[in-house]
Amino acid sequence: MNRSESIIKIVVVGPESTGKSTLCASLADHFHTLWCREYAREFLLQHGMEYSYEDLLTIAKGQLALEDEATERCRKEYPHASQPPLLFLDTDMYVMKIWSEFVFGKCHPMILNEIVKRTYDGYLLCKTDLPWVKDELREYPDTITRDTLYHLYKDALINQYTPWLEVSGEGDARTQQAINWVTTIVSKQ
């Protein structure tokens, strides 16, 4: 556990249209806690899809601010819980790193520094076994690109020390798989 914050943080990552936000909301509901949304959606809806390398730094900073706000809110709403409260995060700086490197071939040092600085208690990697659903912000409907991005996320998680689980399947089965694993993580705290 990240003892300095006394909050168990689980990050949900994976390519677009793999159910990350839905999973975060379902887990937060099941565990009666909070989740932190993805700032990129908010930014891109406001500014459009013609984003630059510098925009990704702005998005990263916005994501970190949302995470910090959610952490503080979690701390205030659950100050005397019998166990540390849970917080689910819909993205982190690994997502920003992979996105930046995939699109622009480089990543801002601030994002890399935040990867090193911030600690989490677990990662859920959403597999690309859900059908891609079009919306105004999604860029990669083709299977090859989705699978390439999935493997970039998997490589990032394999090469770090935080426990992680690959989440697959649809609907309740996908959610239950994540619930079971998060319960194991919480029981170790």
C-alpha atoms as a PDB file:
ATOM      1  CA  MET A   1       0.000   0.000   0.000  1.00  0.00           C
ATOM      2  CA  ASN A   2       1.041   3.544  -0.591  1.00  0.00           C
ATOM      3  CA  ARG A   3       1.342   4.236   3.159  1.00  0.00           C
ATOM      4  CA  SER A   4       1.956   7.950   2.772  1.00  0.00           C
ATOM      5  CA  GLU A   5      -1.571   8.418   1.482  1.00  0.00           C
ATOM      6  CA  SER A   6      -3.376   5.582   3.335  1.00  0.00           C
ATOM      7  CA  ILE A   7      -5.522   5.042   0.244  1.00  0.00           C
ATOM      8  CA  ILE A   8      -5.480   1.928  -1.898  1.00  0.00           C
ATOM      9  CA  LYS A   9      -5.212   3.120  -5.497  1.00  0.00           C
ATOM     10  CA  ILE A  10      -6.065   0.824  -8.394  1.00  0.00           C
ATOM     11  CA  VAL A  11      -5.438   2.118 -11.923  1.00  0.00           C
ATOM     12  CA  VAL A  12      -7.397   0.857 -14.929  1.00  0.00           C
ATOM     13  CA  VAL A  13      -5.463   1.033 -18.210  1.00  0.00           C
ATOM     14  CA  GLY A  14      -5.718  -0.253 -21.756  1.00  0.00           C
ATOM     15  CA  PRO A  15      -6.457   0.895 -25.294  1.00  0.00           C
ATOM     16  CA  GLU A  16      -9.542   2.937 -26.134  1.00  0.00           C
ATOM     17  CA  SER A  17     -12.927   1.210 -26.108  1.00  0.00           C
ATOM     18  CA  THR A  18     -11.918  -1.565 -23.716  1.00  0.00           C
ATOM     19  CA  GLY A  19     -14.380  -0.638 -20.983  1.00  0.00           C
ATOM     20  CA  LYS A  20     -12.055   1.254 -18.634  1.00  0.00           C
ATOM     21  CA  SER A  21     -14.518   3.921 -17.522  1.00  0.00           C
ATOM     22  CA  THR A  22     -17.348   1.415 -17.194  1.00  0.00           C
ATOM     23  CA  LEU A  23     -15.133  -0.868 -15.121  1.00  0.00           C
ATOM     24  CA  CYS A  24     -14.012   1.999 -12.867  1.00  0.00           C
ATOM     25  CA  ALA A  25     -17.622   3.033 -12.252  1.00  0.00           C
ATOM     26  CA  SER A  26     -18.694  -0.568 -11.568  1.00  0.00           C
ATOM     27  CA  LEU A  27     -15.819  -1.178  -9.161  1.00  0.00           C
ATOM     28  CA  ALA A  28     -16.419   2.086  -7.313  1.00  0.00           C
ATOM     29  CA  ASP A  29     -20.086   1.182  -7.005  1.00  0.00           C
ATOM     30  CA  HIS A  30     -19.325  -2.344  -5.767  1.00  0.00           C
ATOM     31  CA  PHE A  31     -16.761  -1.199  -3.206  1.00  0.00           C
ATOM     32  CA  HIS A  32     -18.788   1.912  -2.204  1.00  0.00           C
ATOM     33  CA  THR A  33     -16.008   4.315  -3.018  1.00  0.00           C
ATOM     34  CA  LEU A  34     -14.860   6.901  -5.561  1.00  0.00           C
ATOM     35  CA  TRP A  35     -13.250   6.791  -8.965  1.00  0.00           C
ATOM     36  CA  CYS A  36     -11.307   9.376 -10.948  1.00  0.00           C
ATOM     37  CA  ARG A  37     -12.369  10.013 -14.533  1.00  0.00           C
ATOM     38  CA  GLU A  38     -10.042  10.434 -17.500  1.00  0.00           C
ATOM     39  CA  TYR A  39      -9.130  14.081 -18.111  1.00  0.00           C
ATOM     40  CA  ALA A  40      -8.277  13.510 -21.796  1.00  0.00           C
ATOM     41  CA  ARG A  41     -11.954  13.099 -22.726  1.00  0.00           C
ATOM     42  CA  GLU A  42     -12.832  16.420 -21.125  1.00  0.00           C
ATOM     43  CA  PHE A  43      -9.907  18.176 -22.814  1.00  0.00           C
ATOM     44  CA  LEU A  44     -10.509  16.714 -26.277  1.00  0.00           C
ATOM     45  CA  LEU A  45     -14.249  17.394 -26.167  1.00  0.00           C
ATOM     46  CA  GLN A  46     -13.457  21.028 -25.445  1.00  0.00           C
ATOM     47  CA  HIS A  47     -10.474  21.502 -27.793  1.00  0.00           C
ATOM     48  CA  GLY A  48     -11.043  18.953 -30.562  1.00  0.00           C
ATOM     49  CA  MET A  49      -9.086  16.015 -31.895  1.00  0.00           C
ATOM     50  CA  GLU A  50      -6.305  18.017 -33.540  1.00  0.00           C
ATOM     51  CA  TYR A  51      -3.988  17.728 -30.550  1.00  0.00           C
ATOM     52  CA  SER A  52      -0.248  18.387 -30.366  1.00  0.00           C
ATOM     53  CA  TYR A  53       2.646  16.955 -28.400  1.00  0.00           C
ATOM     54  CA  GLU A  54       2.363  19.910 -25.985  1.00  0.00           C
ATOM     55  CA  ASP A  55      -1.361  19.250 -25.582  1.00  0.00           C
ATOM     56  CA  LEU A  56      -0.499  15.821 -24.192  1.00  0.00           C
ATOM     57  CA  LEU A  57       1.564  17.506 -21.481  1.00  0.00           C
ATOM     58  CA  THR A  58      -1.446  19.703 -20.661  1.00  0.00           C
ATOM     59  CA  ILE A  59      -3.652  16.587 -20.558  1.00  0.00           C
ATOM     60  CA  ALA A  60      -1.142  14.830 -18.288  1.00  0.00           C
ATOM     61  CA  LYS A  61      -1.147  17.768 -15.884  1.00  0.00           C
ATOM     62  CA  GLY A  62      -4.940  17.803 -15.925  1.00  0.00           C
ATOM     63  CA  GLN A  63      -5.027  14.078 -15.166  1.00  0.00           C
ATOM     64  CA  LEU A  64      -2.643  14.513 -12.238  1.00  0.00           C
ATOM     65  CA  ALA A  65      -4.779  17.348 -10.866  1.00  0.00           C
ATOM     66  CA  LEU A  66      -7.915  15.182 -11.111  1.00  0.00           C
ATOM     67  CA  GLU A  67      -6.102  12.334  -9.356  1.00  0.00           C
ATOM     68  CA  ASP A  68      -4.938  14.636  -6.572  1.00  0.00           C
ATOM     69  CA  GLU A  69      -8.468  16.040  -6.166  1.00  0.00           C
ATOM     70  CA  ALA A  70      -9.981  12.545  -6.056  1.00  0.00           C
ATOM     71  CA  THR A  71      -7.364  11.431  -3.535  1.00  0.00           C
ATOM     72  CA  GLU A  72      -8.164  14.362  -1.269  1.00  0.00           C
ATOM     73  CA  ARG A  73     -11.889  13.808  -1.647  1.00  0.00           C
ATOM     74  CA  CYS A  74     -11.447  10.124  -0.791  1.00  0.00           C
ATOM     75  CA  ARG A  75      -9.386  11.068   2.242  1.00  0.00           C
ATOM     76  CA  LYS A  76     -12.110  13.491   3.430  1.00  0.00           C
ATOM     77  CA  GLU A  77     -15.082  11.194   2.745  1.00  0.00           C
ATOM     78  CA  TYR A  78     -13.544   8.144   4.424  1.00  0.00           C
ATOM     79  CA  PRO A  79     -11.361   9.559   7.226  1.00  0.00           C
ATOM     80  CA  HIS A  80     -12.089   6.844   9.790  1.00  0.00           C
ATOM     81  CA  ALA A  81     -12.598   3.752   7.673  1.00  0.00           C
ATOM     82  CA  SER A  82     -11.607   0.464   9.315  1.00  0.00           C
ATOM     83  CA  GLN A  83      -9.319  -0.152   6.369  1.00  0.00           C
ATOM     84  CA  PRO A  84      -7.747   2.265   3.907  1.00  0.00           C
ATOM     85  CA  PRO A  85     -10.310   3.475   1.370  1.00  0.00           C
ATOM     86  CA  LEU A  86     -10.111   2.443  -2.264  1.00  0.00           C
ATOM     87  CA  LEU A  87      -9.780   4.826  -5.178  1.00  0.00           C
ATOM     88  CA  PHE A  88     -10.083   3.672  -8.784  1.00  0.00           C
ATOM     89  CA  LEU A  89      -8.273   5.693 -11.447  1.00  0.00           C
ATOM     90  CA  ASP A  90      -9.292   5.709 -15.092  1.00  0.00           C
ATOM     91  CA  THR A  91      -5.779   6.219 -16.476  1.00  0.00           C
ATOM     92  CA  ASP A  92      -2.353   7.301 -15.218  1.00  0.00           C
ATOM     93  CA  MET A  93       0.956   8.507 -16.608  1.00  0.00           C
ATOM     94  CA  TYR A  94       1.722   5.148 -18.255  1.00  0.00           C
ATOM     95  CA  VAL A  95      -1.263   5.887 -20.499  1.00  0.00           C
ATOM     96  CA  MET A  96       0.140   9.333 -21.263  1.00  0.00           C
ATOM     97  CA  LYS A  97       3.597   7.887 -21.984  1.00  0.00           C
ATOM     98  CA  ILE A  98       2.279   5.228 -24.343  1.00  0.00           C
ATOM     99  CA  TRP A  99      -0.059   7.666 -26.089  1.00  0.00           C
ATOM    100  CA  SER A 100       2.700  10.244 -26.518  1.00  0.00           C
ATOM    101  CA  GLU A 101       5.276   7.760 -27.779  1.00  0.00           C
ATOM    102  CA  PHE A 102       2.799   6.034 -30.096  1.00  0.00           C
ATOM    103  CA  VAL A 103       1.606   9.245 -31.748  1.00  0.00           C
ATOM    104  CA  PHE A 104       4.682  11.509 -31.513  1.00  0.00           C
ATOM    105  CA  GLY A 105       7.602   9.114 -30.960  1.00  0.00           C
ATOM    106  CA  LYS A 106       8.637  10.849 -27.742  1.00  0.00           C
ATOM    107  CA  CYS A 107       7.437  11.584 -24.229  1.00  0.00           C
ATOM    108  CA  HIS A 108       7.805  14.693 -22.106  1.00  0.00           C
ATOM    109  CA  PRO A 109      10.219  14.214 -19.148  1.00  0.00           C
ATOM    110  CA  MET A 110       7.585  15.458 -16.680  1.00  0.00           C
ATOM    111  CA  ILE A 111       5.375  12.465 -17.552  1.00  0.00           C
ATOM    112  CA  LEU A 112       8.301  10.078 -17.100  1.00  0.00           C
ATOM    113  CA  ASN A 113       9.170  11.675 -13.759  1.00  0.00           C
ATOM    114  CA  GLU A 114       5.595  11.276 -12.541  1.00  0.00           C
ATOM    115  CA  ILE A 115       5.670   7.565 -13.460  1.00  0.00           C
ATOM    116  CA  VAL A 116       8.627   7.170 -11.128  1.00  0.00           C
ATOM    117  CA  LYS A 117       7.256   9.447  -8.403  1.00  0.00           C
ATOM    118  CA  ARG A 118       3.682   8.173  -8.076  1.00  0.00           C
ATOM    119  CA  THR A 119       2.918   4.782  -6.627  1.00  0.00           C
ATOM    120  CA  TYR A 120      -0.171   2.618  -6.898  1.00  0.00           C
ATOM    121  CA  ASP A 121      -1.375  -0.595  -5.326  1.00  0.00           C
ATOM    122  CA  GLY A 122      -2.513  -2.362  -8.476  1.00  0.00           C
ATOM    123  CA  TYR A 123      -3.285  -2.132 -12.169  1.00  0.00           C
ATOM    124  CA  LEU A 124      -6.117  -3.632 -14.161  1.00  0.00           C
ATOM    125  CA  LEU A 125      -5.240  -4.005 -17.852  1.00  0.00           C
ATOM    126  CA  CYS A 126      -8.345  -4.176 -20.029  1.00  0.00           C
ATOM    127  CA  LYS A 127      -7.974  -6.598 -22.904  1.00  0.00           C
ATOM    128  CA  THR A 128      -9.151  -5.699 -26.406  1.00  0.00           C
ATOM    129  CA  ASP A 129     -11.757  -8.470 -26.469  1.00  0.00           C
ATOM    130  CA  LEU A 130     -14.677  -6.023 -26.325  1.00  0.00           C
ATOM    131  CA  PRO A 131     -16.023  -4.693 -29.635  1.00  0.00           C
ATOM    132  CA  TRP A 132     -14.717  -1.264 -30.582  1.00  0.00           C
ATOM    133  CA  VAL A 133     -17.462   1.353 -30.190  1.00  0.00           C
ATOM    134  CA  LYS A 134     -17.230   4.531 -32.240  1.00  0.00           C
ATOM    135  CA  ASP A 135     -17.470   7.893 -30.544  1.00  0.00           C
ATOM    136  CA  GLU A 136     -16.203  11.362 -31.428  1.00  0.00           C
ATOM    137  CA  LEU A 137     -12.882  10.867 -29.587  1.00  0.00           C
ATOM    138  CA  ARG A 138     -11.780   7.383 -30.580  1.00  0.00           C
ATOM    139  CA  GLU A 139      -9.034   7.057 -33.163  1.00  0.00           C
ATOM    140  CA  TYR A 140      -8.137   3.383 -33.672  1.00  0.00           C
ATOM    141  CA  PRO A 141     -10.933   1.051 -34.774  1.00  0.00           C
ATOM    142  CA  ASP A 142      -8.620  -1.444 -36.486  1.00  0.00           C
ATOM    143  CA  THR A 143      -7.665  -4.627 -34.656  1.00  0.00           C
ATOM    144  CA  ILE A 144      -3.947  -4.395 -35.449  1.00  0.00           C
ATOM    145  CA  THR A 145      -3.538  -0.945 -33.864  1.00  0.00           C
ATOM    146  CA  ARG A 146      -5.684  -1.905 -30.849  1.00  0.00           C
ATOM    147  CA  ASP A 147      -3.616  -5.056 -30.287  1.00  0.00           C
ATOM    148  CA  THR A 148      -0.359  -3.121 -30.733  1.00  0.00           C
ATOM    149  CA  LEU A 149      -1.436  -0.620 -28.089  1.00  0.00           C
ATOM    150  CA  TYR A 150      -2.594  -3.421 -25.782  1.00  0.00           C
ATOM    151  CA  HIS A 151       0.848  -5.027 -25.963  1.00  0.00           C
ATOM    152  CA  LEU A 152       2.519  -1.683 -25.218  1.00  0.00           C
ATOM    153  CA  TYR A 153       0.434  -1.457 -22.026  1.00  0.00           C
ATOM    154  CA  LYS A 154       1.201  -5.055 -21.141  1.00  0.00           C
ATOM    155  CA  ASP A 155       4.944  -4.496 -21.668  1.00  0.00           C
ATOM    156  CA  ALA A 156       4.823  -1.431 -19.410  1.00  0.00           C
ATOM    157  CA  LEU A 157       3.121  -3.409 -16.643  1.00  0.00           C
ATOM    158  CA  ILE A 158       5.416  -6.407 -16.969  1.00  0.00           C
ATOM    159  CA  ASN A 159       8.405  -4.101 -16.525  1.00  0.00           C
ATOM    160  CA  GLN A 160       7.334  -2.558 -13.206  1.00  0.00           C
ATOM    161  CA  TYR A 161       6.739  -3.947  -9.720  1.00  0.00           C
ATOM    162  CA  THR A 162       3.115  -3.122  -8.934  1.00  0.00           C
ATOM    163  CA  PRO A 163       0.751  -6.126  -9.087  1.00  0.00           C
ATOM    164  CA  TRP A 164      -1.546  -6.223 -12.096  1.00  0.00           C
ATOM    165  CA  LEU A 165      -4.241  -8.316 -13.706  1.00  0.00           C
ATOM    166  CA  GLU A 166      -5.351  -8.684 -17.291  1.00  0.00           C
ATOM    167  CA  VAL A 167      -9.139  -8.274 -17.382  1.00  0.00           C
ATOM    168  CA  SER A 168     -11.051 -10.055 -20.123  1.00  0.00           C
ATOM    169  CA  GLY A 169     -14.557 -11.174 -20.952  1.00  0.00           C
ATOM    170  CA  GLU A 170     -17.746  -9.181 -21.181  1.00  0.00           C
ATOM    171  CA  GLY A 171     -20.202  -7.590 -18.789  1.00  0.00           C
ATOM    172  CA  ASP A 172     -20.584  -9.047 -15.334  1.00  0.00           C
ATOM    173  CA  ALA A 173     -17.891 -11.692 -15.889  1.00  0.00           C
ATOM    174  CA  ARG A 174     -15.323  -8.979 -16.667  1.00  0.00           C
ATOM    175  CA  THR A 175     -16.387  -6.938 -13.649  1.00  0.00           C
ATOM    176  CA  GLN A 176     -16.434  -9.945 -11.313  1.00  0.00           C
ATOM    177  CA  GLN A 177     -12.918 -10.907 -12.383  1.00  0.00           C
ATOM    178  CA  ALA A 178     -11.748  -7.426 -11.405  1.00  0.00           C
ATOM    179  CA  ILE A 179     -13.729  -7.457  -8.136  1.00  0.00           C
ATOM    180  CA  ASN A 180     -12.156 -10.762  -7.103  1.00  0.00           C
ATOM    181  CA  TRP A 181      -8.650  -9.484  -7.777  1.00  0.00           C
ATOM    182  CA  VAL A 182      -9.194  -6.125  -6.055  1.00  0.00           C
ATOM    183  CA  THR A 183     -10.585  -7.988  -3.030  1.00  0.00           C
ATOM    184  CA  THR A 184      -7.329  -9.963  -2.885  1.00  0.00           C
ATOM    185  CA  ILE A 185      -5.280  -6.757  -3.065  1.00  0.00           C
ATOM    186  CA  VAL A 186      -7.363  -5.157  -0.287  1.00  0.00           C
ATOM    187  CA  SER A 187      -7.055  -8.232   1.932  1.00  0.00           C
ATOM    188  CA  LYS A 188      -3.248  -7.928   1.804  1.00  0.00           C
ATOM    189  CA  GLN A 189      -3.319  -4.385   3.198  1.00  0.00           C
END
